[in-house]
């Protein structure tokens, strides 16, 4: 076999491996997303906490949520104050960050219908986790 054919076959193997890795990561993200939105919709704070990395980052001017105990107390501020996450999560799907495939987000609207609240997720050693939310207007 000549060098060009070997190089071509090697490129095909690398491309197939990358596609398989991406597909597996997409499946992991979708499984996480299904578990996360189910927990949020059920207002199951303990399940949400297990899917969260603390401290949970909050928008500018709002203190981070430092623990599951604080999440229980501030649940409404996280999921209902700047956006109605339950309504948003019914149809929203996570989008992968184009610059970092280990980051993902869901954009939700404010009361006026403008997509301003981002729920951010990250792939960790233990799987996908909720890492914070951001108001892109702040």
N, C-alpha and C. Protein backbone atom coordinates (compact mmCIF):
# COMPACT_ATOMS: atom_id res chain seq x y z
N UNK A 1 0.84 -1.18 0.00
CA UNK A 1 0.00 0.00 0.00
C UNK A 1 0.89 1.23 0.00
N UNK A 2 0.51 2.22 -0.77
CA UNK A 2 1.36 3.41 -0.80
C UNK A 2 1.03 4.36 0.35
N UNK A 3 1.90 5.33 0.54
CA UNK A 3 1.76 6.27 1.68
C UNK A 3 0.48 7.08 1.62
N UNK A 4 0.05 7.46 0.44
CA UNK A 4 -1.18 8.24 0.30
C UNK A 4 -2.39 7.43 0.77
N UNK A 5 -2.42 6.17 0.41
CA UNK A 5 -3.54 5.32 0.83
C UNK A 5 -3.53 5.11 2.33
N UNK A 6 -2.37 4.92 2.91
CA UNK A 6 -2.25 4.75 4.37
C UNK A 6 -2.69 6.03 5.08
N UNK A 7 -2.25 7.17 4.57
CA UNK A 7 -2.64 8.44 5.18
C UNK A 7 -4.15 8.65 5.08
N UNK A 8 -4.74 8.27 3.94
CA UNK A 8 -6.18 8.40 3.75
C UNK A 8 -6.94 7.52 4.75
N UNK A 9 -6.51 6.27 4.88
CA UNK A 9 -7.15 5.35 5.83
C UNK A 9 -7.01 5.84 7.27
N UNK A 10 -5.84 6.37 7.60
CA UNK A 10 -5.64 6.92 8.95
C UNK A 10 -6.58 8.09 9.20
N UNK A 11 -6.75 8.94 8.19
CA UNK A 11 -7.66 10.09 8.33
C UNK A 11 -9.10 9.61 8.51
N UNK A 12 -9.49 8.55 7.81
CA UNK A 12 -10.83 8.00 7.97
C UNK A 12 -11.05 7.45 9.38
N UNK A 13 -10.05 6.77 9.91
CA UNK A 13 -10.15 6.22 11.27
C UNK A 13 -10.29 7.35 12.28
N UNK A 14 -9.49 8.40 12.13
CA UNK A 14 -9.56 9.54 13.05
C UNK A 14 -10.94 10.20 12.96
N UNK A 15 -11.43 10.41 11.74
CA UNK A 15 -12.75 11.03 11.56
C UNK A 15 -13.85 10.18 12.17
N UNK A 16 -13.80 8.89 11.97
CA UNK A 16 -14.80 7.99 12.55
C UNK A 16 -14.75 8.01 14.07
N UNK A 17 -13.55 8.04 14.62
CA UNK A 17 -13.39 8.09 16.08
C UNK A 17 -13.96 9.39 16.64
N UNK A 18 -13.68 10.51 15.97
CA UNK A 18 -14.21 11.79 16.42
C UNK A 18 -15.74 11.81 16.36
N UNK A 19 -16.31 11.25 15.30
CA UNK A 19 -17.77 11.21 15.18
C UNK A 19 -18.37 10.34 16.28
N UNK A 20 -17.75 9.20 16.56
CA UNK A 20 -18.24 8.32 17.63
C UNK A 20 -18.15 9.01 18.98
N UNK A 21 -17.04 9.68 19.24
CA UNK A 21 -16.86 10.41 20.50
C UNK A 21 -17.92 11.51 20.62
N UNK A 22 -18.15 12.26 19.54
CA UNK A 22 -19.16 13.32 19.56
C UNK A 22 -20.55 12.75 19.78
N UNK A 23 -20.86 11.65 19.13
CA UNK A 23 -22.18 11.02 19.30
C UNK A 23 -22.37 10.55 20.73
N UNK A 24 -21.35 9.94 21.32
CA UNK A 24 -21.43 9.49 22.72
C UNK A 24 -21.62 10.68 23.65
N UNK A 25 -20.87 11.77 23.39
CA UNK A 25 -20.99 12.95 24.23
C UNK A 25 -22.39 13.55 24.10
N UNK A 26 -22.92 13.59 22.86
CA UNK A 26 -24.27 14.10 22.65
C UNK A 26 -25.28 13.27 23.41
N UNK A 27 -25.13 11.94 23.40
CA UNK A 27 -26.05 11.07 24.13
C UNK A 27 -25.95 11.30 25.63
N UNK A 28 -24.73 11.49 26.13
CA UNK A 28 -24.55 11.78 27.56
C UNK A 28 -25.21 13.10 27.92
N UNK A 29 -25.04 14.11 27.08
CA UNK A 29 -25.65 15.41 27.34
C UNK A 29 -27.17 15.30 27.32
N UNK A 30 -27.72 14.60 26.34
CA UNK A 30 -29.18 14.46 26.26
C UNK A 30 -29.75 13.69 27.45
N UNK A 31 -29.03 12.67 27.91
CA UNK A 31 -29.45 11.92 29.11
C UNK A 31 -29.43 12.84 30.33
N UNK A 32 -28.33 13.60 30.48
CA UNK A 32 -28.25 14.56 31.58
C UNK A 32 -29.40 15.56 31.48
N UNK A 33 -29.62 16.11 30.29
CA UNK A 33 -30.65 17.12 30.11
C UNK A 33 -32.02 16.58 30.49
N UNK A 34 -32.33 15.37 30.08
CA UNK A 34 -33.61 14.77 30.42
C UNK A 34 -33.75 14.63 31.94
N UNK A 35 -32.70 14.15 32.61
CA UNK A 35 -32.72 14.00 34.07
C UNK A 35 -32.85 15.36 34.76
N UNK A 36 -32.10 16.35 34.25
CA UNK A 36 -32.09 17.67 34.87
C UNK A 36 -33.45 18.36 34.74
N UNK A 37 -33.98 18.39 33.52
CA UNK A 37 -35.26 19.09 33.35
C UNK A 37 -36.39 18.37 34.08
N UNK A 38 -36.33 17.06 34.16
CA UNK A 38 -37.32 16.31 34.93
C UNK A 38 -37.25 16.69 36.40
N UNK A 39 -36.04 16.79 36.94
CA UNK A 39 -35.87 17.17 38.35
C UNK A 39 -36.34 18.60 38.58
N UNK A 40 -36.01 19.52 37.67
CA UNK A 40 -36.46 20.91 37.83
C UNK A 40 -37.97 20.99 37.75
N UNK A 41 -38.57 20.32 36.77
CA UNK A 41 -40.03 20.36 36.61
C UNK A 41 -40.75 19.78 37.82
N UNK A 42 -40.14 18.77 38.45
CA UNK A 42 -40.74 18.16 39.64
C UNK A 42 -40.40 18.92 40.91
N UNK A 43 -39.61 19.97 40.77
CA UNK A 43 -39.12 20.75 41.92
C UNK A 43 -38.41 19.84 42.93
N UNK A 44 -37.67 18.87 42.39
CA UNK A 44 -36.93 17.91 43.21
C UNK A 44 -35.54 18.49 43.48
N UNK A 45 -35.44 19.27 44.54
CA UNK A 45 -34.20 19.99 44.84
C UNK A 45 -33.03 19.03 45.07
N UNK A 46 -33.28 17.91 45.71
CA UNK A 46 -32.19 16.96 45.98
C UNK A 46 -31.63 16.40 44.66
N UNK A 47 -32.51 16.07 43.72
CA UNK A 47 -32.04 15.56 42.43
C UNK A 47 -31.30 16.65 41.65
N UNK A 48 -31.82 17.87 41.69
CA UNK A 48 -31.14 18.99 41.02
C UNK A 48 -29.76 19.19 41.64
N UNK A 49 -29.68 19.13 42.96
CA UNK A 49 -28.40 19.33 43.65
C UNK A 49 -27.37 18.28 43.23
N UNK A 50 -27.81 17.04 43.04
CA UNK A 50 -26.89 15.98 42.61
C UNK A 50 -26.36 16.22 41.20
N UNK A 51 -27.10 16.98 40.42
CA UNK A 51 -26.70 17.28 39.04
C UNK A 51 -26.03 18.64 38.93
N UNK A 52 -25.65 19.21 40.06
CA UNK A 52 -25.09 20.57 40.13
C UNK A 52 -23.69 20.54 40.72
N UNK A 53 -22.84 21.42 40.21
CA UNK A 53 -21.53 21.66 40.80
C UNK A 53 -21.62 22.95 41.61
N UNK A 54 -21.18 22.88 42.86
CA UNK A 54 -21.20 24.05 43.74
C UNK A 54 -19.79 24.60 43.88
N UNK A 55 -19.63 25.91 44.00
CA UNK A 55 -20.69 26.91 44.02
C UNK A 55 -21.32 27.09 42.64
N UNK A 56 -22.62 27.26 42.65
CA UNK A 56 -23.38 27.49 41.44
C UNK A 56 -23.26 28.98 41.11
N UNK A 57 -22.74 29.28 39.92
CA UNK A 57 -22.54 30.67 39.54
C UNK A 57 -23.88 31.34 39.23
N UNK A 58 -24.02 32.55 39.74
CA UNK A 58 -25.23 33.34 39.52
C UNK A 58 -24.88 34.60 38.74
N UNK A 59 -25.89 35.27 38.18
CA UNK A 59 -25.63 36.49 37.41
C UNK A 59 -24.97 37.58 38.24
N UNK A 60 -24.41 38.54 37.54
CA UNK A 60 -23.73 39.68 38.15
C UNK A 60 -24.60 40.30 39.25
N UNK A 61 -24.01 40.52 40.39
CA UNK A 61 -24.69 41.17 41.50
C UNK A 61 -25.48 40.24 42.40
N UNK A 62 -25.55 38.96 42.05
CA UNK A 62 -26.28 37.99 42.86
C UNK A 62 -25.26 36.98 43.39
N UNK A 63 -25.30 36.76 44.69
CA UNK A 63 -24.34 35.84 45.32
C UNK A 63 -24.50 34.43 44.77
N UNK A 64 -23.36 33.75 44.60
CA UNK A 64 -23.38 32.37 44.14
C UNK A 64 -24.08 31.48 45.17
N UNK A 65 -24.64 30.38 44.69
CA UNK A 65 -25.28 29.39 45.55
C UNK A 65 -24.18 28.42 45.96
N UNK A 66 -23.85 28.38 47.24
CA UNK A 66 -22.66 27.66 47.69
C UNK A 66 -22.87 26.19 48.04
N UNK A 67 -24.11 25.75 48.21
CA UNK A 67 -24.34 24.38 48.65
C UNK A 67 -25.77 23.94 48.31
N UNK A 68 -26.01 22.65 48.51
CA UNK A 68 -27.36 22.12 48.30
C UNK A 68 -28.35 22.75 49.27
N UNK A 69 -27.89 23.05 50.48
CA UNK A 69 -28.76 23.69 51.47
C UNK A 69 -29.19 25.07 50.97
N UNK A 70 -28.22 25.84 50.43
CA UNK A 70 -28.57 27.15 49.88
C UNK A 70 -29.46 27.02 48.64
N UNK A 71 -29.22 26.00 47.84
CA UNK A 71 -30.06 25.79 46.66
C UNK A 71 -31.51 25.57 47.09
N UNK A 72 -31.71 24.80 48.12
CA UNK A 72 -33.06 24.56 48.63
C UNK A 72 -33.73 25.88 49.00
N UNK A 73 -32.98 26.78 49.65
CA UNK A 73 -33.53 28.07 50.09
C UNK A 73 -33.72 29.04 48.92
N UNK A 74 -32.87 28.93 47.90
CA UNK A 74 -32.88 29.90 46.80
C UNK A 74 -33.38 29.31 45.48
N UNK A 75 -34.07 28.20 45.57
CA UNK A 75 -34.53 27.49 44.39
C UNK A 75 -35.34 28.39 43.45
N UNK A 76 -36.25 29.15 44.00
CA UNK A 76 -37.08 30.04 43.19
C UNK A 76 -36.24 31.10 42.48
N UNK A 77 -35.22 31.62 43.15
CA UNK A 77 -34.35 32.62 42.52
C UNK A 77 -33.58 32.02 41.34
N UNK A 78 -33.22 30.77 41.45
CA UNK A 78 -32.45 30.11 40.38
C UNK A 78 -33.35 29.77 39.19
N UNK A 79 -34.54 29.28 39.45
CA UNK A 79 -35.36 28.74 38.36
C UNK A 79 -36.62 29.53 38.02
N UNK A 80 -36.92 30.59 38.76
CA UNK A 80 -38.16 31.30 38.46
C UNK A 80 -38.06 32.81 38.55
N UNK A 81 -36.96 33.35 39.04
CA UNK A 81 -36.90 34.79 39.25
C UNK A 81 -36.64 35.55 37.95
N UNK A 82 -35.64 35.16 37.19
CA UNK A 82 -35.31 35.90 35.97
C UNK A 82 -35.95 35.29 34.73
N UNK A 83 -36.39 34.05 34.85
CA UNK A 83 -37.02 33.33 33.74
C UNK A 83 -37.83 32.18 34.33
N UNK A 84 -38.83 31.74 33.61
CA UNK A 84 -39.61 30.59 34.03
C UNK A 84 -38.96 29.34 33.44
N UNK A 85 -38.02 28.77 34.19
CA UNK A 85 -37.26 27.62 33.68
C UNK A 85 -38.16 26.44 33.37
N UNK A 86 -39.17 26.20 34.18
CA UNK A 86 -40.04 25.05 33.95
C UNK A 86 -40.71 25.17 32.59
N UNK A 87 -41.25 26.33 32.28
CA UNK A 87 -41.89 26.53 30.97
C UNK A 87 -40.86 26.44 29.85
N UNK A 88 -39.72 27.05 30.06
CA UNK A 88 -38.66 27.05 29.05
C UNK A 88 -38.16 25.64 28.76
N UNK A 89 -37.92 24.86 29.82
CA UNK A 89 -37.32 23.54 29.68
C UNK A 89 -38.24 22.55 28.96
N UNK A 90 -39.55 22.86 28.89
CA UNK A 90 -40.47 21.94 28.20
C UNK A 90 -40.06 21.72 26.75
N UNK A 91 -39.58 22.78 26.10
CA UNK A 91 -39.25 22.68 24.68
C UNK A 91 -37.78 22.93 24.37
N UNK A 92 -37.05 23.50 25.30
CA UNK A 92 -35.64 23.85 25.05
C UNK A 92 -34.77 22.61 24.94
N UNK A 93 -33.72 22.74 24.17
CA UNK A 93 -32.70 21.71 24.05
C UNK A 93 -31.34 22.36 24.29
N UNK A 94 -30.44 21.65 24.93
CA UNK A 94 -29.12 22.23 25.17
C UNK A 94 -28.35 22.44 23.86
N UNK A 95 -27.62 23.53 23.84
CA UNK A 95 -26.76 23.84 22.70
C UNK A 95 -25.32 23.73 23.16
N UNK A 96 -24.49 23.11 22.35
CA UNK A 96 -23.08 22.96 22.69
C UNK A 96 -22.34 24.24 22.35
N UNK A 97 -21.48 24.68 23.24
CA UNK A 97 -20.63 25.84 23.01
C UNK A 97 -19.70 25.51 21.85
N UNK A 98 -19.70 26.35 20.83
CA UNK A 98 -18.90 26.09 19.63
C UNK A 98 -17.40 26.13 19.91
N UNK A 99 -16.99 26.87 20.94
CA UNK A 99 -15.57 26.98 21.24
C UNK A 99 -15.10 25.95 22.26
N UNK A 100 -16.03 25.32 22.96
CA UNK A 100 -15.66 24.31 23.95
C UNK A 100 -16.75 23.24 24.02
N UNK A 101 -16.52 22.08 23.41
CA UNK A 101 -17.56 21.05 23.37
C UNK A 101 -17.88 20.45 24.74
N UNK A 102 -17.12 20.80 25.77
CA UNK A 102 -17.42 20.33 27.12
C UNK A 102 -18.30 21.32 27.88
N UNK A 103 -18.80 22.31 27.17
CA UNK A 103 -19.71 23.30 27.75
C UNK A 103 -20.98 23.32 26.92
N UNK A 104 -22.09 23.53 27.61
CA UNK A 104 -23.38 23.58 26.95
C UNK A 104 -24.26 24.58 27.69
N UNK A 105 -25.34 24.99 27.05
CA UNK A 105 -26.25 25.94 27.69
C UNK A 105 -27.65 25.79 27.13
N UNK A 106 -28.61 26.31 27.88
CA UNK A 106 -29.99 26.43 27.43
C UNK A 106 -30.36 27.89 27.62
N UNK A 107 -30.86 28.51 26.58
CA UNK A 107 -31.29 29.90 26.64
C UNK A 107 -32.78 29.96 26.92
N UNK A 108 -33.16 30.78 27.90
CA UNK A 108 -34.56 30.91 28.28
C UNK A 108 -34.97 32.38 28.22
N UNK A 109 -36.25 32.63 27.92
CA UNK A 109 -36.71 34.01 27.81
C UNK A 109 -37.08 34.63 29.16
N UNK A 110 -37.02 35.97 29.17
CA UNK A 110 -37.54 36.71 30.31
C UNK A 110 -39.04 36.90 30.09
N UNK A 111 -39.68 37.70 30.94
CA UNK A 111 -41.14 37.90 30.84
C UNK A 111 -41.55 38.53 29.51
N UNK A 112 -40.64 39.30 28.89
CA UNK A 112 -40.94 39.95 27.61
C UNK A 112 -40.71 39.02 26.42
N UNK A 113 -40.19 37.83 26.68
CA UNK A 113 -39.96 36.87 25.59
C UNK A 113 -38.57 36.95 24.98
N UNK A 114 -37.71 37.79 25.54
CA UNK A 114 -36.34 37.91 25.02
C UNK A 114 -35.46 36.83 25.65
N UNK A 115 -34.69 36.12 24.83
CA UNK A 115 -33.77 35.09 25.35
C UNK A 115 -32.61 35.78 26.05
N UNK A 116 -32.66 35.78 27.37
CA UNK A 116 -31.61 36.49 28.12
C UNK A 116 -30.97 35.65 29.21
N UNK A 117 -31.63 34.61 29.65
CA UNK A 117 -31.10 33.81 30.75
C UNK A 117 -30.49 32.53 30.17
N UNK A 118 -29.22 32.31 30.50
CA UNK A 118 -28.52 31.11 30.06
C UNK A 118 -28.30 30.20 31.24
N UNK A 119 -28.77 28.98 31.15
CA UNK A 119 -28.47 27.94 32.13
C UNK A 119 -27.27 27.20 31.57
N UNK A 120 -26.16 27.22 32.30
CA UNK A 120 -24.89 26.70 31.80
C UNK A 120 -24.56 25.33 32.41
N UNK A 121 -23.99 24.47 31.57
CA UNK A 121 -23.64 23.12 31.97
C UNK A 121 -22.22 22.82 31.52
N UNK A 122 -21.57 21.90 32.21
CA UNK A 122 -20.21 21.54 31.87
C UNK A 122 -20.02 20.04 32.03
N UNK A 123 -19.22 19.48 31.16
CA UNK A 123 -18.87 18.06 31.25
C UNK A 123 -17.74 17.94 32.26
N UNK A 124 -17.95 17.17 33.32
CA UNK A 124 -16.95 16.97 34.36
C UNK A 124 -16.50 15.52 34.35
N UNK A 125 -15.60 15.19 35.24
CA UNK A 125 -15.13 13.80 35.35
C UNK A 125 -16.26 12.85 35.71
N UNK A 126 -17.29 13.36 36.38
CA UNK A 126 -18.41 12.53 36.80
C UNK A 126 -19.64 12.70 35.90
N UNK A 127 -19.48 13.36 34.77
CA UNK A 127 -20.60 13.56 33.85
C UNK A 127 -20.98 15.03 33.74
N UNK A 128 -22.05 15.29 33.04
CA UNK A 128 -22.53 16.67 32.86
C UNK A 128 -23.10 17.20 34.18
N UNK A 129 -22.85 18.49 34.44
CA UNK A 129 -23.34 19.14 35.66
C UNK A 129 -23.84 20.55 35.33
N UNK A 130 -24.81 20.99 36.09
CA UNK A 130 -25.30 22.37 36.05
C UNK A 130 -24.28 23.21 36.79
N UNK A 131 -23.74 24.25 36.14
CA UNK A 131 -22.69 25.04 36.77
C UNK A 131 -23.08 26.48 37.04
N UNK A 132 -24.20 26.93 36.51
CA UNK A 132 -24.60 28.31 36.78
C UNK A 132 -25.58 28.86 35.79
N UNK A 133 -26.01 30.06 36.07
CA UNK A 133 -26.86 30.77 35.13
C UNK A 133 -26.35 32.17 34.97
N UNK A 134 -26.69 32.74 33.85
CA UNK A 134 -26.20 34.07 33.51
C UNK A 134 -27.31 34.84 32.83
N UNK A 135 -27.40 36.12 33.15
CA UNK A 135 -28.31 37.01 32.43
C UNK A 135 -27.44 37.78 31.46
N UNK A 136 -27.63 37.54 30.15
CA UNK A 136 -26.73 38.13 29.18
C UNK A 136 -26.91 39.64 29.03
N UNK A 137 -27.92 40.21 29.66
CA UNK A 137 -28.11 41.66 29.65
C UNK A 137 -27.32 42.36 30.75
N UNK A 138 -26.74 41.58 31.65
CA UNK A 138 -26.01 42.20 32.77
C UNK A 138 -24.53 42.06 32.59
